[in-house]
Every structure is written in structure tokens, then in C-alpha cells.
Amino acid sequence: MSVEILIGEEGLIAAATHANVDLVLTAIVGFAGVKPTYAAIKQGKTIALANKETLVAAGSVIMPLAKSTGAQIIPVDSEHSAIHQCLQGNNSSDLRHIWLTSSGGPFRTWTKEQIDMPL
């Protein structure tokens, strides 16, 4: 058995697009997850998405690409996985609001007035 060591963005893309890989778990912090996720989706691979920044930064590119290639995106991290699970078996036209808590991150020190947004 041989071992190949890959590094950097090129290594991430190579791992995400390897021929013997069917399911790609993208759990890379921040924007760094976009390119490997994009490359795997381009090949129609199933994505276990733990990097919500990929959708925040590039959702307008990622989601249409997934639809066109038939790649499935399965959210596996906290809030977006909970939303996905709650929506299973329900009609999305019945949905009016999704409420998320913001117990951490950059909003943890904001006042209610700072984060209050009209619906």
C-alpha cells in the first residue's frame, strides 16, 4: 500500500475529487471549503456539508451546480442540519419563518436592538 501526502488547496481538491470517493465531508473553516466542495459537486459526489460558509459565500453558485450535476448536499453541522431535519416530510410552501439562535460567534455580544431585523 502506498501513501500520498497532499497539502494546501490543491491537496484538498485532489482528496475531494478522488475517483474512489463517493461521499465528501467538507468541514474546513471559512472560505477555504468553497473550492474543494465545488470540485466535488462538479463530479456529482455526495457532500456532507459541515462548512456553512461555503453556502454563505458561494451558495448562488454551489446550489445550481449541485442541481445540474445531481450532487446531493447533506447538511451535517448544527443549525443547518437541524433545519434540514425539521423540513423532512413537510411542504416548504407551508414554511413562513425559520428562527435560529445566535448563542456564539460574532453576535454573542450584540444587543437585541443591534440584531433585531424586521420580518
PDB file of N, CA and C in Angstrom:
ATOM      1  N   MET A   1       0.841  -1.176   0.000  1.00  0.00           N
ATOM      2  CA  MET A   1       0.000   0.000   0.000  1.00  0.00           C
ATOM      3  C   MET A   1       0.887   1.240   0.000  1.00  0.00           C
ATOM      4  N   SER A   2       0.548   2.195  -0.843  1.00  0.00           N
ATOM      5  CA  SER A   2       1.330   3.426  -0.884  1.00  0.00           C
ATOM      6  C   SER A   2       0.542   4.555  -0.223  1.00  0.00           C
ATOM      7  N   VAL A   3       1.276   5.528   0.258  1.00  0.00           N
ATOM      8  CA  VAL A   3       0.678   6.692   0.906  1.00  0.00           C
ATOM      9  C   VAL A   3       1.109   7.926   0.141  1.00  0.00           C
ATOM     10  N   GLU A   4       0.173   8.781  -0.135  1.00  0.00           N
ATOM     11  CA  GLU A   4       0.471  10.045  -0.808  1.00  0.00           C
ATOM     12  C   GLU A   4       0.085  11.180   0.128  1.00  0.00           C
ATOM     13  N   ILE A   5       0.984  12.097   0.349  1.00  0.00           N
ATOM     14  CA  ILE A   5       0.715  13.242   1.213  1.00  0.00           C
ATOM     15  C   ILE A   5       0.405  14.440   0.334  1.00  0.00           C
ATOM     16  N   LEU A   6      -0.757  15.022   0.571  1.00  0.00           N
ATOM     17  CA  LEU A   6      -1.214  16.183  -0.193  1.00  0.00           C
ATOM     18  C   LEU A   6      -1.352  17.363   0.752  1.00  0.00           C
ATOM     19  N   ILE A   7      -1.055  18.561   0.252  1.00  0.00           N
ATOM     20  CA  ILE A   7      -1.156  19.745   1.106  1.00  0.00           C
ATOM     21  C   ILE A   7      -1.828  20.882   0.341  1.00  0.00           C
ATOM     22  N   GLY A   8      -2.267  21.855   1.086  1.00  0.00           N
ATOM     23  CA  GLY A   8      -2.802  23.079   0.500  1.00  0.00           C
ATOM     24  C   GLY A   8      -4.110  22.870  -0.244  1.00  0.00           C
ATOM     25  N   GLU A   9      -4.504  23.909  -0.944  1.00  0.00           N
ATOM     26  CA  GLU A   9      -5.751  23.887  -1.704  1.00  0.00           C
ATOM     27  C   GLU A   9      -5.760  22.772  -2.743  1.00  0.00           C
ATOM     28  N   GLU A  10      -4.637  22.573  -3.419  1.00  0.00           N
ATOM     29  CA  GLU A  10      -4.557  21.515  -4.424  1.00  0.00           C
ATOM     30  C   GLU A  10      -4.771  20.140  -3.793  1.00  0.00           C
ATOM     31  N   GLY A  11      -4.236  19.940  -2.609  1.00  0.00           N
ATOM     32  CA  GLY A  11      -4.420  18.679  -1.899  1.00  0.00           C
ATOM     33  C   GLY A  11      -5.864  18.454  -1.494  1.00  0.00           C
ATOM     34  N   LEU A  12      -6.517  19.519  -1.029  1.00  0.00           N
ATOM     35  CA  LEU A  12      -7.934  19.415  -0.662  1.00  0.00           C
ATOM     36  C   LEU A  12      -8.789  19.055  -1.865  1.00  0.00           C
ATOM     37  N   ILE A  13      -8.520  19.698  -2.981  1.00  0.00           N
ATOM     38  CA  ILE A  13      -9.280  19.432  -4.202  1.00  0.00           C
ATOM     39  C   ILE A  13      -9.016  18.005  -4.680  1.00  0.00           C
ATOM     40  N   ALA A  14      -7.773  17.570  -4.628  1.00  0.00           N
ATOM     41  CA  ALA A  14      -7.435  16.203  -5.041  1.00  0.00           C
ATOM     42  C   ALA A  14      -8.152  15.173  -4.159  1.00  0.00           C
ATOM     43  N   ALA A  15      -8.193  15.406  -2.856  1.00  0.00           N
ATOM     44  CA  ALA A  15      -8.876  14.477  -1.949  1.00  0.00           C
ATOM     45  C   ALA A  15     -10.387  14.473  -2.211  1.00  0.00           C
ATOM     46  N   ALA A  16     -10.960  15.656  -2.443  1.00  0.00           N
ATOM     47  CA  ALA A  16     -12.407  15.775  -2.656  1.00  0.00           C
ATOM     48  C   ALA A  16     -12.860  15.194  -3.984  1.00  0.00           C
ATOM     49  N   THR A  17     -11.946  15.063  -4.924  1.00  0.00           N
ATOM     50  CA  THR A  17     -12.314  14.580  -6.255  1.00  0.00           C
ATOM     51  C   THR A  17     -11.707  13.212  -6.575  1.00  0.00           C
ATOM     52  N   HIS A  18     -11.131  12.569  -5.580  1.00  0.00           N
ATOM     53  CA  HIS A  18     -10.501  11.262  -5.803  1.00  0.00           C
ATOM     54  C   HIS A  18     -11.536  10.289  -6.372  1.00  0.00           C
ATOM     55  N   ALA A  19     -11.106   9.478  -7.333  1.00  0.00           N
ATOM     56  CA  ALA A  19     -12.016   8.563  -8.034  1.00  0.00           C
ATOM     57  C   ALA A  19     -12.691   7.567  -7.102  1.00  0.00           C
ATOM     58  N   ASN A  20     -12.041   7.162  -6.028  1.00  0.00           N
ATOM     59  CA  ASN A  20     -12.608   6.159  -5.120  1.00  0.00           C
ATOM     60  C   ASN A  20     -13.435   6.771  -3.997  1.00  0.00           C
ATOM     61  N   VAL A  21     -13.789   8.038  -4.120  1.00  0.00           N
ATOM     62  CA  VAL A  21     -14.554   8.720  -3.083  1.00  0.00           C
ATOM     63  C   VAL A  21     -15.968   8.989  -3.579  1.00  0.00           C
ATOM     64  N   ASP A  22     -16.957   8.534  -2.812  1.00  0.00           N
ATOM     65  CA  ASP A  22     -18.359   8.773  -3.150  1.00  0.00           C
ATOM     66  C   ASP A  22     -18.966   9.880  -2.293  1.00  0.00           C
ATOM     67  N   LEU A  23     -18.517   9.971  -1.037  1.00  0.00           N
ATOM     68  CA  LEU A  23     -19.046  10.932  -0.078  1.00  0.00           C
ATOM     69  C   LEU A  23     -17.903  11.805   0.411  1.00  0.00           C
ATOM     70  N   VAL A  24     -18.074  13.117   0.295  1.00  0.00           N
ATOM     71  CA  VAL A  24     -17.045  14.068   0.712  1.00  0.00           C
ATOM     72  C   VAL A  24     -17.578  14.859   1.902  1.00  0.00           C
ATOM     73  N   LEU A  25     -16.874  14.776   3.032  1.00  0.00           N
ATOM     74  CA  LEU A  25     -17.215  15.569   4.203  1.00  0.00           C
ATOM     75  C   LEU A  25     -16.404  16.851   4.135  1.00  0.00           C
ATOM     76  N   THR A  26     -17.084  17.978   3.959  1.00  0.00           N
ATOM     77  CA  THR A  26     -16.379  19.262   3.921  1.00  0.00           C
ATOM     78  C   THR A  26     -16.573  19.943   5.272  1.00  0.00           C
ATOM     79  N   ALA A  27     -15.509  19.936   6.045  1.00  0.00           N
ATOM     80  CA  ALA A  27     -15.526  20.505   7.390  1.00  0.00           C
ATOM     81  C   ALA A  27     -14.349  21.457   7.560  1.00  0.00           C
ATOM     82  N   ILE A  28     -14.110  22.244   6.542  1.00  0.00           N
ATOM     83  CA  ILE A  28     -12.979  23.168   6.521  1.00  0.00           C
ATOM     84  C   ILE A  28     -13.475  24.540   6.953  1.00  0.00           C
ATOM     85  N   VAL A  29     -12.727  25.208   7.772  1.00  0.00           N
ATOM     86  CA  VAL A  29     -13.142  26.501   8.301  1.00  0.00           C
ATOM     87  C   VAL A  29     -13.174  27.561   7.204  1.00  0.00           C
ATOM     88  N   GLY A  30     -14.258  28.318   7.174  1.00  0.00           N
ATOM     89  CA  GLY A  30     -14.355  29.507   6.334  1.00  0.00           C
ATOM     90  C   GLY A  30     -14.384  29.250   4.838  1.00  0.00           C
ATOM     91  N   PHE A  31     -13.893  30.238   4.109  1.00  0.00           N
ATOM     92  CA  PHE A  31     -13.942  30.246   2.645  1.00  0.00           C
ATOM     93  C   PHE A  31     -13.105  29.128   2.020  1.00  0.00           C
ATOM     94  N   ALA A  32     -12.163  28.579   2.777  1.00  0.00           N
ATOM     95  CA  ALA A  32     -11.286  27.529   2.246  1.00  0.00           C
ATOM     96  C   ALA A  32     -12.062  26.298   1.789  1.00  0.00           C
ATOM     97  N   GLY A  33     -13.277  26.121   2.262  1.00  0.00           N
ATOM     98  CA  GLY A  33     -14.077  24.966   1.867  1.00  0.00           C
ATOM     99  C   GLY A  33     -14.759  25.096   0.519  1.00  0.00           C
ATOM    100  N   VAL A  34     -14.807  26.292  -0.038  1.00  0.00           N
ATOM    101  CA  VAL A  34     -15.575  26.514  -1.269  1.00  0.00           C
ATOM    102  C   VAL A  34     -15.005  25.725  -2.454  1.00  0.00           C
ATOM    103  N   LYS A  35     -13.718  25.877  -2.746  1.00  0.00           N
ATOM    104  CA  LYS A  35     -13.158  25.251  -3.949  1.00  0.00           C
ATOM    105  C   LYS A  35     -13.188  23.717  -3.911  1.00  0.00           C
ATOM    106  N   PRO A  36     -12.792  23.064  -2.809  1.00  0.00           N
ATOM    107  CA  PRO A  36     -12.890  21.600  -2.800  1.00  0.00           C
ATOM    108  C   PRO A  36     -14.343  21.123  -2.900  1.00  0.00           C
ATOM    109  N   THR A  37     -15.257  21.830  -2.255  1.00  0.00           N
ATOM    110  CA  THR A  37     -16.667  21.453  -2.330  1.00  0.00           C
ATOM    111  C   THR A  37     -17.179  21.617  -3.752  1.00  0.00           C
ATOM    112  N   TYR A  38     -16.837  22.724  -4.378  1.00  0.00           N
ATOM    113  CA  TYR A  38     -17.231  22.982  -5.770  1.00  0.00           C
ATOM    114  C   TYR A  38     -16.707  21.871  -6.684  1.00  0.00           C
ATOM    115  N   ALA A  39     -15.442  21.506  -6.519  1.00  0.00           N
ATOM    116  CA  ALA A  39     -14.830  20.483  -7.364  1.00  0.00           C
ATOM    117  C   ALA A  39     -15.527  19.130  -7.193  1.00  0.00           C
ATOM    118  N   ALA A  40     -15.869  18.784  -5.956  1.00  0.00           N
ATOM    119  CA  ALA A  40     -16.547  17.513  -5.701  1.00  0.00           C
ATOM    120  C   ALA A  40     -17.965  17.525  -6.278  1.00  0.00           C
ATOM    121  N   ILE A  41     -18.655  18.636  -6.145  1.00  0.00           N
ATOM    122  CA  ILE A  41     -20.011  18.753  -6.695  1.00  0.00           C
ATOM    123  C   ILE A  41     -19.969  18.664  -8.212  1.00  0.00           C
ATOM    124  N   LYS A  42     -18.951  19.261  -8.803  1.00  0.00           N
ATOM    125  CA  LYS A  42     -18.799  19.210 -10.256  1.00  0.00           C
ATOM    126  C   LYS A  42     -18.741  17.773 -10.753  1.00  0.00           C
ATOM    127  N   GLN A  43     -18.223  16.892  -9.920  1.00  0.00           N
ATOM    128  CA  GLN A  43     -18.149  15.468 -10.270  1.00  0.00           C
ATOM    129  C   GLN A  43     -19.387  14.691  -9.818  1.00  0.00           C
ATOM    130  N   GLY A  44     -20.365  15.391  -9.237  1.00  0.00           N
ATOM    131  CA  GLY A  44     -21.605  14.738  -8.830  1.00  0.00           C
ATOM    132  C   GLY A  44     -21.514  13.950  -7.538  1.00  0.00           C
ATOM    133  N   LYS A  45     -20.491  14.212  -6.733  1.00  0.00           N
ATOM    134  CA  LYS A  45     -20.317  13.475  -5.480  1.00  0.00           C
ATOM    135  C   LYS A  45     -21.316  13.955  -4.433  1.00  0.00           C
ATOM    136  N   THR A  46     -21.630  13.097  -3.487  1.00  0.00           N
ATOM    137  CA  THR A  46     -22.467  13.471  -2.352  1.00  0.00           C
ATOM    138  C   THR A  46     -21.612  14.254  -1.373  1.00  0.00           C
ATOM    139  N   ILE A  47     -22.150  15.367  -0.895  1.00  0.00           N
ATOM    140  CA  ILE A  47     -21.422  16.248   0.023  1.00  0.00           C
ATOM    141  C   ILE A  47     -22.078  16.210   1.394  1.00  0.00           C
ATOM    142  N   ALA A  48     -21.313  15.870   2.426  1.00  0.00           N
ATOM    143  CA  ALA A  48     -21.750  16.024   3.813  1.00  0.00           C
ATOM    144  C   ALA A  48     -21.182  17.379   4.245  1.00  0.00           C
ATOM    145  N   LEU A  49     -22.036  18.383   4.267  1.00  0.00           N
ATOM    146  CA  LEU A  49     -21.582  19.760   4.441  1.00  0.00           C
ATOM    147  C   LEU A  49     -21.582  20.191   5.904  1.00  0.00           C
ATOM    148  N   ALA A  50     -20.390  20.408   6.441  1.00  0.00           N
ATOM    149  CA  ALA A  50     -20.236  20.929   7.793  1.00  0.00           C
ATOM    150  C   ALA A  50     -19.629  22.324   7.743  1.00  0.00           C
ATOM    151  N   ASN A  51     -19.534  22.880   6.557  1.00  0.00           N
ATOM    152  CA  ASN A  51     -18.928  24.193   6.341  1.00  0.00           C
ATOM    153  C   ASN A  51     -19.989  25.123   5.762  1.00  0.00           C
ATOM    154  N   LYS A  52     -20.757  25.755   6.646  1.00  0.00           N
ATOM    155  CA  LYS A  52     -21.852  26.604   6.161  1.00  0.00           C
ATOM    156  C   LYS A  52     -21.351  27.837   5.423  1.00  0.00           C
ATOM    157  N   GLU A  53     -20.105  28.224   5.639  1.00  0.00           N
ATOM    158  CA  GLU A  53     -19.548  29.370   4.920  1.00  0.00           C
ATOM    159  C   GLU A  53     -19.531  29.139   3.413  1.00  0.00           C
ATOM    160  N   THR A  54     -19.448  27.879   3.004  1.00  0.00           N
ATOM    161  CA  THR A  54     -19.495  27.564   1.571  1.00  0.00           C
ATOM    162  C   THR A  54     -20.795  28.073   0.965  1.00  0.00           C
ATOM    163  N   LEU A  55     -21.904  27.876   1.669  1.00  0.00           N
ATOM    164  CA  LEU A  55     -23.190  28.350   1.151  1.00  0.00           C
ATOM    165  C   LEU A  55     -23.363  29.852   1.346  1.00  0.00           C
ATOM    166  N   VAL A  56     -22.832  30.379   2.420  1.00  0.00           N
ATOM    167  CA  VAL A  56     -22.932  31.819   2.655  1.00  0.00           C
ATOM    168  C   VAL A  56     -22.147  32.574   1.581  1.00  0.00           C
ATOM    169  N   ALA A  57     -20.943  32.117   1.296  1.00  0.00           N
ATOM    170  CA  ALA A  57     -20.066  32.808   0.347  1.00  0.00           C
ATOM    171  C   ALA A  57     -20.380  32.484  -1.110  1.00  0.00           C
ATOM    172  N   ALA A  58     -20.822  31.248  -1.372  1.00  0.00           N
ATOM    173  CA  ALA A  58     -20.957  30.830  -2.774  1.00  0.00           C
ATOM    174  C   ALA A  58     -22.223  30.025  -3.047  1.00  0.00           C
ATOM    175  N   GLY A  59     -23.221  30.162  -2.206  1.00  0.00           N
ATOM    176  CA  GLY A  59     -24.457  29.405  -2.388  1.00  0.00           C
ATOM    177  C   GLY A  59     -25.110  29.614  -3.737  1.00  0.00           C
ATOM    178  N   SER A  60     -24.994  30.817  -4.283  1.00  0.00           N
ATOM    179  CA  SER A  60     -25.616  31.105  -5.582  1.00  0.00           C
ATOM    180  C   SER A  60     -24.932  30.357  -6.723  1.00  0.00           C
ATOM    181  N   VAL A  61     -23.727  29.866  -6.492  1.00  0.00           N
ATOM    182  CA  VAL A  61     -23.005  29.056  -7.478  1.00  0.00           C
ATOM    183  C   VAL A  61     -23.115  27.570  -7.125  1.00  0.00           C
ATOM    184  N   ILE A  62     -22.948  27.255  -5.852  1.00  0.00           N
ATOM    185  CA  ILE A  62     -22.919  25.869  -5.379  1.00  0.00           C
ATOM    186  C   ILE A  62     -24.255  25.159  -5.613  1.00  0.00           C
ATOM    187  N   MET A  63     -25.366  25.792  -5.225  1.00  0.00           N
ATOM    188  CA  MET A  63     -26.658  25.108  -5.310  1.00  0.00           C
ATOM    189  C   MET A  63     -27.088  24.825  -6.756  1.00  0.00           C
ATOM    190  N   PRO A  64     -26.972  25.776  -7.684  1.00  0.00           N
ATOM    191  CA  PRO A  64     -27.315  25.442  -9.073  1.00  0.00           C
ATOM    192  C   PRO A  64     -26.401  24.364  -9.662  1.00  0.00           C
ATOM    193  N   LEU A  65     -25.121  24.384  -9.288  1.00  0.00           N
ATOM    194  CA  LEU A  65     -24.203  23.359  -9.772  1.00  0.00           C
ATOM    195  C   LEU A  65     -24.623  21.987  -9.254  1.00  0.00           C
ATOM    196  N   ALA A  66     -24.969  21.906  -7.984  1.00  0.00           N
ATOM    197  CA  ALA A  66     -25.408  20.632  -7.410  1.00  0.00           C
ATOM    198  C   ALA A  66     -26.649  20.119  -8.131  1.00  0.00           C
ATOM    199  N   LYS A  67     -27.551  21.011  -8.418  1.00  0.00           N
ATOM    200  CA  LYS A  67     -28.772  20.613  -9.128  1.00  0.00           C
ATOM    201  C   LYS A  67     -28.435  20.091 -10.524  1.00  0.00           C
ATOM    202  N   SER A  68     -27.536  20.763 -11.206  1.00  0.00           N
ATOM    203  CA  SER A  68     -27.205  20.361 -12.587  1.00  0.00           C
ATOM    204  C   SER A  68     -26.412  19.061 -12.657  1.00  0.00           C
ATOM    205  N   THR A  69     -25.627  18.750 -11.619  1.00  0.00           N
ATOM    206  CA  THR A  69     -24.821  17.521 -11.643  1.00  0.00           C
ATOM    207  C   THR A  69     -25.487  16.364 -10.906  1.00  0.00           C
ATOM    208  N   GLY A  70     -26.556  16.664 -10.183  1.00  0.00           N
ATOM    209  CA  GLY A  70     -27.216  15.627  -9.395  1.00  0.00           C
ATOM    210  C   GLY A  70     -26.529  15.348  -8.074  1.00  0.00           C
ATOM    211  N   ALA A  71     -25.566  16.177  -7.712  1.00  0.00           N
ATOM    212  CA  ALA A  71     -24.873  16.001  -6.434  1.00  0.00           C
ATOM    213  C   ALA A  71     -25.844  16.290  -5.293  1.00  0.00           C
ATOM    214  N   GLN A  72     -25.787  15.468  -4.276  1.00  0.00           N
ATOM    215  CA  GLN A  72     -26.637  15.669  -3.107  1.00  0.00           C
ATOM    216  C   GLN A  72     -25.822  16.378  -2.035  1.00  0.00           C
ATOM    217  N   ILE A  73     -26.422  17.380  -1.395  1.00  0.00           N
ATOM    218  CA  ILE A  73     -25.765  18.080  -0.288  1.00  0.00           C
ATOM    219  C   ILE A  73     -26.550  17.755   0.977  1.00  0.00           C
ATOM    220  N   ILE A  74     -25.855  17.140   1.932  1.00  0.00           N
ATOM    221  CA  ILE A  74     -26.467  16.760   3.200  1.00  0.00           C
ATOM    222  C   ILE A  74     -25.851  17.620   4.300  1.00  0.00           C
ATOM    223  N   PRO A  75     -26.623  18.508   4.921  1.00  0.00           N
ATOM    224  CA  PRO A  75     -26.064  19.328   5.990  1.00  0.00           C
ATOM    225  C   PRO A  75     -25.833  18.487   7.242  1.00  0.00           C
ATOM    226  N   VAL A  76     -24.628  18.570   7.792  1.00  0.00           N
ATOM    227  CA  VAL A  76     -24.281  17.731   8.944  1.00  0.00           C
ATOM    228  C   VAL A  76     -23.810  18.532  10.158  1.00  0.00           C
ATOM    229  N   ASP A  77     -23.904  19.833  10.105  1.00  0.00           N
ATOM    230  CA  ASP A  77     -23.414  20.647  11.218  1.00  0.00           C
ATOM    231  C   ASP A  77     -24.542  21.461  11.828  1.00  0.00           C
ATOM    232  N   SER A  78     -24.697  21.380  13.073  1.00  0.00           N
ATOM    233  CA  SER A  78     -25.584  22.139  13.952  1.00  0.00           C
ATOM    234  C   SER A  78     -26.825  22.721  13.292  1.00  0.00           C
ATOM    235  N   GLU A  79     -26.871  24.046  13.157  1.00  0.00           N
ATOM    236  CA  GLU A  79     -28.106  24.718  12.760  1.00  0.00           C
ATOM    237  C   GLU A  79     -28.648  24.266  11.412  1.00  0.00           C
ATOM    238  N   HIS A  80     -27.802  24.192  10.397  1.00  0.00           N
ATOM    239  CA  HIS A  80     -28.350  23.848   9.094  1.00  0.00           C
ATOM    240  C   HIS A  80     -28.773  22.382   9.026  1.00  0.00           C
ATOM    241  N   SER A  81     -28.182  21.510   9.819  1.00  0.00           N
ATOM    242  CA  SER A  81     -28.642  20.125   9.891  1.00  0.00           C
ATOM    243  C   SER A  81     -29.992  20.051  10.608  1.00  0.00           C
ATOM    244  N   ALA A  82     -30.153  20.833  11.657  1.00  0.00           N
ATOM    245  CA  ALA A  82     -31.427  20.858  12.385  1.00  0.00           C
ATOM    246  C   ALA A  82     -32.560  21.351  11.490  1.00  0.00           C
ATOM    247  N   ILE A  83     -32.299  22.379  10.706  1.00  0.00           N
ATOM    248  CA  ILE A  83     -33.314  22.888   9.777  1.00  0.00           C
ATOM    249  C   ILE A  83     -33.661  21.812   8.754  1.00  0.00           C
ATOM    250  N   HIS A  84     -32.649  21.186   8.187  1.00  0.00           N
ATOM    251  CA  HIS A  84     -32.852  20.123   7.205  1.00  0.00           C
ATOM    252  C   HIS A  84     -33.725  19.011   7.785  1.00  0.00           C
ATOM    253  N   GLN A  85     -33.430  18.583   9.007  1.00  0.00           N
ATOM    254  CA  GLN A  85     -34.184  17.515   9.641  1.00  0.00           C
ATOM    255  C   GLN A  85     -35.629  17.929   9.907  1.00  0.00           C
ATOM    256  N   CYS A  86     -35.836  19.160  10.325  1.00  0.00           N
ATOM    257  CA  CYS A  86     -37.191  19.645  10.605  1.00  0.00           C
ATOM    258  C   CYS A  86     -38.048  19.740   9.344  1.00  0.00           C
ATOM    259  N   LEU A  87     -37.424  19.983   8.220  1.00  0.00           N
ATOM    260  CA  LEU A  87     -38.166  20.149   6.969  1.00  0.00           C
ATOM    261  C   LEU A  87     -38.506  18.826   6.291  1.00  0.00           C
ATOM    262  N   GLN A  88     -37.905  17.734   6.731  1.00  0.00           N
ATOM    263  CA  GLN A  88     -38.165  16.444   6.102  1.00  0.00           C
ATOM    264  C   GLN A  88     -39.643  16.070   6.232  1.00  0.00           C
ATOM    265  N   GLY A  89     -40.260  15.742   5.114  1.00  0.00           N
ATOM    266  CA  GLY A  89     -41.654  15.320   5.109  1.00  0.00           C
ATOM    267  C   GLY A  89     -42.654  16.453   5.180  1.00  0.00           C
ATOM    268  N   ASN A  90     -42.186  17.681   5.092  1.00  0.00           N
ATOM    269  CA  ASN A  90     -43.077  18.837   5.157  1.00  0.00           C
ATOM    270  C   ASN A  90     -43.081  19.571   3.825  1.00  0.00           C
ATOM    271  N   ASN A  91     -44.135  20.286   3.576  1.00  0.00           N
ATOM    272  CA  ASN A  91     -44.264  21.075   2.357  1.00  0.00           C
ATOM    273  C   ASN A  91     -43.608  22.439   2.587  1.00  0.00           C
ATOM    274  N   SER A  92     -42.595  22.773   1.810  1.00  0.00           N
ATOM    275  CA  SER A  92     -41.870  24.035   2.018  1.00  0.00           C
ATOM    276  C   SER A  92     -42.765  25.254   1.819  1.00  0.00           C
ATOM    277  N   SER A  93     -43.867  25.119   1.088  1.00  0.00           N
ATOM    278  CA  SER A  93     -44.767  26.267   0.905  1.00  0.00           C
ATOM    279  C   SER A  93     -45.506  26.603   2.197  1.00  0.00           C
ATOM    280  N   ASP A  94     -45.522  25.675   3.150  1.00  0.00           N
ATOM    281  CA  ASP A  94     -46.151  25.932   4.445  1.00  0.00           C
ATOM    282  C   ASP A  94     -45.222  26.690   5.394  1.00  0.00           C
ATOM    283  N   LEU A  95     -43.975  26.828   5.019  1.00  0.00           N
ATOM    284  CA  LEU A  95     -42.979  27.481   5.871  1.00  0.00           C
ATOM    285  C   LEU A  95     -43.076  28.991   5.748  1.00  0.00           C
ATOM    286  N   ARG A  96     -43.159  29.665   6.881  1.00  0.00           N
ATOM    287  CA  ARG A  96     -43.179  31.135   6.882  1.00  0.00           C
ATOM    288  C   ARG A  96     -41.887  31.715   7.446  1.00  0.00           C
ATOM    289  N   HIS A  97     -41.349  31.107   8.486  1.00  0.00           N
ATOM    290  CA  HIS A  97     -40.155  31.646   9.147  1.00  0.00           C
ATOM    291  C   HIS A  97     -39.293  30.492   9.658  1.00  0.00           C
ATOM    292  N   ILE A  98     -38.014  30.750   9.724  1.00  0.00           N
ATOM    293  CA  ILE A  98     -37.079  29.879  10.424  1.00  0.00           C
ATOM    294  C   ILE A  98     -36.365  30.761  11.436  1.00  0.00           C
ATOM    295  N   TRP A  99     -36.434  30.382  12.675  1.00  0.00           N
ATOM    296  CA  TRP A  99     -35.790  31.151  13.731  1.00  0.00           C
ATOM    297  C   TRP A  99     -34.568  30.384  14.218  1.00  0.00           C
ATOM    298  N   LEU A 100     -33.431  31.053  14.234  1.00  0.00           N
ATOM    299  CA  LEU A 100     -32.196  30.464  14.733  1.00  0.00           C
ATOM    300  C   LEU A 100     -31.703  31.257  15.932  1.00  0.00           C
ATOM    301  N   THR A 101     -31.137  30.551  16.874  1.00  0.00           N
ATOM    302  CA  THR A 101     -30.490  31.250  17.987  1.00  0.00           C
ATOM    303  C   THR A 101     -29.089  31.656  17.543  1.00  0.00           C
ATOM    304  N   SER A 102     -28.544  32.631  18.214  1.00  0.00           N
ATOM    305  CA  SER A 102     -27.156  33.028  17.924  1.00  0.00           C
ATOM    306  C   SER A 102     -26.419  33.107  19.247  1.00  0.00           C
ATOM    307  N   SER A 103     -26.139  31.935  19.780  1.00  0.00           N
ATOM    308  CA  SER A 103     -25.538  31.868  21.104  1.00  0.00           C
ATOM    309  C   SER A 103     -24.034  32.094  21.092  1.00  0.00           C
ATOM    310  N   GLY A 104     -23.435  32.108  19.913  1.00  0.00           N
ATOM    311  CA  GLY A 104     -21.990  32.277  19.855  1.00  0.00           C
ATOM    312  C   GLY A 104     -21.610  33.138  18.682  1.00  0.00           C
ATOM    313  N   GLY A 105     -20.373  33.036  18.291  1.00  0.00           N
ATOM    314  CA  GLY A 105     -19.895  33.775  17.133  1.00  0.00           C
ATOM    315  C   GLY A 105     -19.872  35.270  17.363  1.00  0.00           C
ATOM    316  N   PRO A 106     -19.846  36.031  16.278  1.00  0.00           N
ATOM    317  CA  PRO A 106     -19.667  37.479  16.397  1.00  0.00           C
ATOM    318  C   PRO A 106     -20.867  38.197  16.991  1.00  0.00           C
ATOM    319  N   PHE A 107     -22.026  37.534  17.050  1.00  0.00           N
ATOM    320  CA  PHE A 107     -23.230  38.203  17.536  1.00  0.00           C
ATOM    321  C   PHE A 107     -23.461  38.031  19.031  1.00  0.00           C
ATOM    322  N   ARG A 108     -22.631  37.288  19.712  1.00  0.00           N
ATOM    323  CA  ARG A 108     -22.864  36.969  21.117  1.00  0.00           C
ATOM    324  C   ARG A 108     -22.839  38.206  22.018  1.00  0.00           C
ATOM    325  N   THR A 109     -22.198  39.275  21.569  1.00  0.00           N
ATOM    326  CA  THR A 109     -22.132  40.473  22.407  1.00  0.00           C
ATOM    327  C   THR A 109     -23.081  41.579  21.933  1.00  0.00           C
ATOM    328  N   TRP A 110     -23.832  41.305  20.853  1.00  0.00           N
ATOM    329  CA  TRP A 110     -24.752  42.316  20.336  1.00  0.00           C
ATOM    330  C   TRP A 110     -26.004  42.410  21.212  1.00  0.00           C
ATOM    331  N   THR A 111     -26.569  43.585  21.278  1.00  0.00           N
ATOM    332  CA  THR A 111     -27.832  43.782  21.970  1.00  0.00           C
ATOM    333  C   THR A 111     -28.971  43.332  21.054  1.00  0.00           C
ATOM    334  N   LYS A 112     -30.158  43.183  21.636  1.00  0.00           N
ATOM    335  CA  LYS A 112     -31.334  42.804  20.838  1.00  0.00           C
ATOM    336  C   LYS A 112     -31.583  43.843  19.753  1.00  0.00           C
ATOM    337  N   GLU A 113     -31.381  45.099  20.068  1.00  0.00           N
ATOM    338  CA  GLU A 113     -31.610  46.169  19.085  1.00  0.00           C
ATOM    339  C   GLU A 113     -30.646  46.070  17.902  1.00  0.00           C
ATOM    340  N   GLN A 114     -29.420  45.646  18.163  1.00  0.00           N
ATOM    341  CA  GLN A 114     -28.433  45.524  17.103  1.00  0.00           C
ATOM    342  C   GLN A 114     -28.763  44.382  16.128  1.00  0.00           C
ATOM    343  N   ILE A 115     -29.357  43.314  16.632  1.00  0.00           N
ATOM    344  CA  ILE A 115     -29.645  42.191  15.763  1.00  0.00           C
ATOM    345  C   ILE A 115     -31.097  42.107  15.322  1.00  0.00           C
ATOM    346  N   ASP A 116     -31.943  42.950  15.875  1.00  0.00           N
ATOM    347  CA  ASP A 116     -33.359  42.906  15.522  1.00  0.00           C
ATOM    348  C   ASP A 116     -33.557  43.327  14.071  1.00  0.00           C
ATOM    349  N   MET A 117     -34.183  42.440  13.317  1.00  0.00           N
ATOM    350  CA  MET A 117     -34.441  42.719  11.908  1.00  0.00           C
ATOM    351  C   MET A 117     -35.935  42.569  11.653  1.00  0.00           C
ATOM    352  N   PRO A 118     -36.534  43.498  10.912  1.00  0.00           N
ATOM    353  CA  PRO A 118     -37.964  43.341  10.621  1.00  0.00           C
ATOM    354  C   PRO A 118     -38.196  42.133   9.717  1.00  0.00           C
ATOM    355  N   LEU A 119     -39.319  41.466   9.958  1.00  0.00           N
ATOM    356  CA  LEU A 119     -39.654  40.279   9.154  1.00  0.00           C
ATOM    357  C   LEU A 119     -40.359  40.637   7.883  1.00  0.00           C
TER     358      LEU A 119
END
